[in-house]
Amino acid sequence: MKKHLLIILLGFLLSNVAFAEPVVLKCITNTGQKVADLTIDLRMKKMKWGTVSEYDIVNVTDTYISAYEKPNGVGGEICVINRITGLYKRSTVGIYYSSARPKPGDEGSFEAIIYSGRCSKQQF
């Protein structure tokens, strides 16, 4: 059964290369929480989480897609997704603040954060 699901997932991911249409994947974190949909457009070399984070696809292999988010200040983000299993990892480095409106003189903290989970194509 798992082999059949893997073959179907692989077929969906690879078939879109030939048609070059954007693919929308439903994603969850490692803890099972739903996250924004991931849209992958191989023809335009763009990837997008929801409506906010846009990435430039820099490398595509039979197994992986690697993309970088355009920096919006200090730091940046990389995302890699396994085209066969749907597993993804995102890593971001930047300056983060404890509130949306930092006080004058608040320099924030320089951090690296890793997100991971799984994406799949919705069947229905």
C-alpha atoms as a PDB file:
ATOM      1  CA  MET A   1       0.000   0.000   0.000  1.00  0.00           C
ATOM      2  CA  LYS A   2       2.806   2.405   0.900  1.00  0.00           C
ATOM      3  CA  LYS A   3       4.562   1.619  -2.378  1.00  0.00           C
ATOM      4  CA  HIS A   4       1.389   2.464  -4.300  1.00  0.00           C
ATOM      5  CA  LEU A   5       1.013   5.809  -2.512  1.00  0.00           C
ATOM      6  CA  LEU A   6       4.668   6.601  -3.128  1.00  0.00           C
ATOM      7  CA  ILE A   7       4.314   5.791  -6.829  1.00  0.00           C
ATOM      8  CA  ILE A   8       1.190   7.963  -7.090  1.00  0.00           C
ATOM      9  CA  LEU A   9       2.893  10.876  -5.292  1.00  0.00           C
ATOM     10  CA  LEU A  10       5.974  10.531  -7.485  1.00  0.00           C
ATOM     11  CA  GLY A  11       3.785  10.420 -10.579  1.00  0.00           C
ATOM     12  CA  PHE A  12       2.008  13.643  -9.613  1.00  0.00           C
ATOM     13  CA  LEU A  13       5.224  15.474  -8.833  1.00  0.00           C
ATOM     14  CA  LEU A  14       7.089  14.319 -11.934  1.00  0.00           C
ATOM     15  CA  SER A  15       4.169  14.663 -14.348  1.00  0.00           C
ATOM     16  CA  ASN A  16       4.006  18.387 -13.692  1.00  0.00           C
ATOM     17  CA  VAL A  17       7.513  18.835 -15.083  1.00  0.00           C
ATOM     18  CA  ALA A  18       6.264  17.812 -18.525  1.00  0.00           C
ATOM     19  CA  PHE A  19       3.214  20.076 -18.401  1.00  0.00           C
ATOM     20  CA  ALA A  20       5.032  22.898 -16.579  1.00  0.00           C
ATOM     21  CA  GLU A  21       1.930  23.940 -14.650  1.00  0.00           C
ATOM     22  CA  PRO A  22       2.203  25.142 -11.056  1.00  0.00           C
ATOM     23  CA  VAL A  23       1.579  22.450  -8.448  1.00  0.00           C
ATOM     24  CA  VAL A  24      -0.157  23.249  -5.156  1.00  0.00           C
ATOM     25  CA  LEU A  25       0.771  20.997  -2.244  1.00  0.00           C
ATOM     26  CA  LYS A  26      -0.917  20.734   1.160  1.00  0.00           C
ATOM     27  CA  CYS A  27       1.656  20.787   3.940  1.00  0.00           C
ATOM     28  CA  ILE A  28       1.884  19.879   7.607  1.00  0.00           C
ATOM     29  CA  THR A  29       4.650  20.310  10.161  1.00  0.00           C
ATOM     30  CA  ASN A  30       6.419  17.425  11.899  1.00  0.00           C
ATOM     31  CA  THR A  31       3.964  17.905  14.770  1.00  0.00           C
ATOM     32  CA  GLY A  32       0.971  17.505  12.440  1.00  0.00           C
ATOM     33  CA  GLN A  33      -0.112  21.164  12.292  1.00  0.00           C
ATOM     34  CA  LYS A  34      -1.375  22.449   8.955  1.00  0.00           C
ATOM     35  CA  VAL A  35       0.740  25.162   7.363  1.00  0.00           C
ATOM     36  CA  ALA A  36       0.267  27.310   4.295  1.00  0.00           C
ATOM     37  CA  ASP A  37      -0.023  25.616   0.921  1.00  0.00           C
ATOM     38  CA  LEU A  38       3.176  25.340  -1.089  1.00  0.00           C
ATOM     39  CA  THR A  39       2.936  26.333  -4.764  1.00  0.00           C
ATOM     40  CA  ILE A  40       5.758  25.144  -7.024  1.00  0.00           C
ATOM     41  CA  ASP A  41       6.141  26.546 -10.530  1.00  0.00           C
ATOM     42  CA  LEU A  42       9.108  24.850 -12.203  1.00  0.00           C
ATOM     43  CA  ARG A  43       8.643  26.698 -15.493  1.00  0.00           C
ATOM     44  CA  MET A  44       8.903  30.117 -13.800  1.00  0.00           C
ATOM     45  CA  LYS A  45      11.436  28.780 -11.231  1.00  0.00           C
ATOM     46  CA  LYS A  46       9.335  30.098  -8.324  1.00  0.00           C
ATOM     47  CA  MET A  47       8.047  28.542  -5.137  1.00  0.00           C
ATOM     48  CA  LYS A  48       5.618  30.179  -2.709  1.00  0.00           C
ATOM     49  CA  TRP A  49       4.381  29.376   0.803  1.00  0.00           C
ATOM     50  CA  GLY A  50       0.856  30.770   1.074  1.00  0.00           C
ATOM     51  CA  THR A  51       0.714  34.340  -0.160  1.00  0.00           C
ATOM     52  CA  VAL A  52       3.740  35.735   1.647  1.00  0.00           C
ATOM     53  CA  SER A  53       7.050  33.913   1.237  1.00  0.00           C
ATOM     54  CA  GLU A  54       8.306  33.726  -2.347  1.00  0.00           C
ATOM     55  CA  TYR A  55      11.396  31.732  -3.285  1.00  0.00           C
ATOM     56  CA  ASP A  56      13.583  31.492  -6.373  1.00  0.00           C
ATOM     57  CA  ILE A  57      14.171  27.860  -7.343  1.00  0.00           C
ATOM     58  CA  VAL A  58      17.908  27.454  -7.838  1.00  0.00           C
ATOM     59  CA  ASN A  59      18.295  23.701  -8.301  1.00  0.00           C
ATOM     60  CA  VAL A  60      16.022  20.868  -9.427  1.00  0.00           C
ATOM     61  CA  THR A  61      17.008  17.208  -9.492  1.00  0.00           C
ATOM     62  CA  ASP A  62      14.990  14.018  -9.834  1.00  0.00           C
ATOM     63  CA  THR A  63      14.779  13.932  -6.038  1.00  0.00           C
ATOM     64  CA  TYR A  64      15.097  17.482  -4.652  1.00  0.00           C
ATOM     65  CA  ILE A  65      14.021  21.065  -5.279  1.00  0.00           C
ATOM     66  CA  SER A  66      16.139  23.764  -3.604  1.00  0.00           C
ATOM     67  CA  ALA A  67      14.987  27.363  -3.335  1.00  0.00           C
ATOM     68  CA  TYR A  68      16.042  30.610  -1.646  1.00  0.00           C
ATOM     69  CA  GLU A  69      13.776  33.336  -0.341  1.00  0.00           C
ATOM     70  CA  LYS A  70      14.605  36.847  -1.439  1.00  0.00           C
ATOM     71  CA  PRO A  71      16.005  38.628   1.629  1.00  0.00           C
ATOM     72  CA  ASN A  72      13.826  41.300   3.195  1.00  0.00           C
ATOM     73  CA  GLY A  73      16.553  42.604   5.467  1.00  0.00           C
ATOM     74  CA  VAL A  74      19.251  40.806   7.421  1.00  0.00           C
ATOM     75  CA  GLY A  75      19.512  37.069   6.738  1.00  0.00           C
ATOM     76  CA  GLY A  76      17.442  34.876   4.475  1.00  0.00           C
ATOM     77  CA  GLU A  77      15.831  31.482   4.070  1.00  0.00           C
ATOM     78  CA  ILE A  78      16.436  28.256   2.169  1.00  0.00           C
ATOM     79  CA  CYS A  79      13.864  25.551   1.512  1.00  0.00           C
ATOM     80  CA  VAL A  80      14.524  22.041   0.216  1.00  0.00           C
ATOM     81  CA  ILE A  81      11.746  19.573  -0.604  1.00  0.00           C
ATOM     82  CA  ASN A  82      12.099  15.919  -1.468  1.00  0.00           C
ATOM     83  CA  ARG A  83      10.027  15.343  -4.616  1.00  0.00           C
ATOM     84  CA  ILE A  84       9.560  11.644  -3.848  1.00  0.00           C
ATOM     85  CA  THR A  85       8.614  11.639  -0.166  1.00  0.00           C
ATOM     86  CA  GLY A  86       7.255  15.198   0.167  1.00  0.00           C
ATOM     87  CA  LEU A  87       9.477  15.867   3.188  1.00  0.00           C
ATOM     88  CA  TYR A  88      10.688  19.450   3.452  1.00  0.00           C
ATOM     89  CA  LYS A  89      13.112  21.465   5.551  1.00  0.00           C
ATOM     90  CA  ARG A  90      13.251  25.241   5.770  1.00  0.00           C
ATOM     91  CA  SER A  91      15.990  27.121   7.521  1.00  0.00           C
ATOM     92  CA  THR A  92      15.936  30.828   8.173  1.00  0.00           C
ATOM     93  CA  VAL A  93      18.557  33.134   9.647  1.00  0.00           C
ATOM     94  CA  GLY A  94      17.773  36.673  10.699  1.00  0.00           C
ATOM     95  CA  ILE A  95      17.235  39.234  13.410  1.00  0.00           C
ATOM     96  CA  TYR A  96      14.032  38.627  15.376  1.00  0.00           C
ATOM     97  CA  TYR A  97      12.206  40.845  17.845  1.00  0.00           C
ATOM     98  CA  SER A  98      10.045  39.860  20.805  1.00  0.00           C
ATOM     99  CA  SER A  99       7.232  42.214  19.737  1.00  0.00           C
ATOM    100  CA  ALA A 100       5.809  43.614  16.514  1.00  0.00           C
ATOM    101  CA  ARG A 101       6.770  47.122  17.633  1.00  0.00           C
ATOM    102  CA  PRO A 102      10.290  47.032  19.068  1.00  0.00           C
ATOM    103  CA  LYS A 103      11.295  49.756  21.490  1.00  0.00           C
ATOM    104  CA  PRO A 104      13.990  52.234  20.484  1.00  0.00           C
ATOM    105  CA  GLY A 105      17.391  50.667  21.046  1.00  0.00           C
ATOM    106  CA  ASP A 106      16.044  47.095  20.829  1.00  0.00           C
ATOM    107  CA  GLU A 107      18.497  45.336  18.531  1.00  0.00           C
ATOM    108  CA  GLY A 108      16.594  42.058  18.486  1.00  0.00           C
ATOM    109  CA  SER A 109      18.279  38.685  18.585  1.00  0.00           C
ATOM    110  CA  PHE A 110      20.224  37.019  15.780  1.00  0.00           C
ATOM    111  CA  GLU A 111      18.818  33.508  15.347  1.00  0.00           C
ATOM    112  CA  ALA A 112      18.569  30.505  13.048  1.00  0.00           C
ATOM    113  CA  ILE A 113      15.308  28.557  12.943  1.00  0.00           C
ATOM    114  CA  ILE A 114      14.581  25.215  11.255  1.00  0.00           C
ATOM    115  CA  TYR A 115      11.105  24.118  10.164  1.00  0.00           C
ATOM    116  CA  SER A 116      10.264  20.686   8.768  1.00  0.00           C
ATOM    117  CA  GLY A 117       7.310  18.601   7.725  1.00  0.00           C
ATOM    118  CA  ARG A 118       5.656  16.916   4.765  1.00  0.00           C
ATOM    119  CA  CYS A 119       3.756  18.138   1.705  1.00  0.00           C
ATOM    120  CA  SER A 120       1.452  16.162  -0.563  1.00  0.00           C
ATOM    121  CA  LYS A 121      -0.876  16.795  -3.453  1.00  0.00           C
ATOM    122  CA  GLN A 122      -4.528  16.912  -2.468  1.00  0.00           C
ATOM    123  CA  GLN A 123      -6.383  14.015  -4.084  1.00  0.00           C
ATOM    124  CA  PHE A 124      -9.967  15.331  -3.910  1.00  0.00           C
END
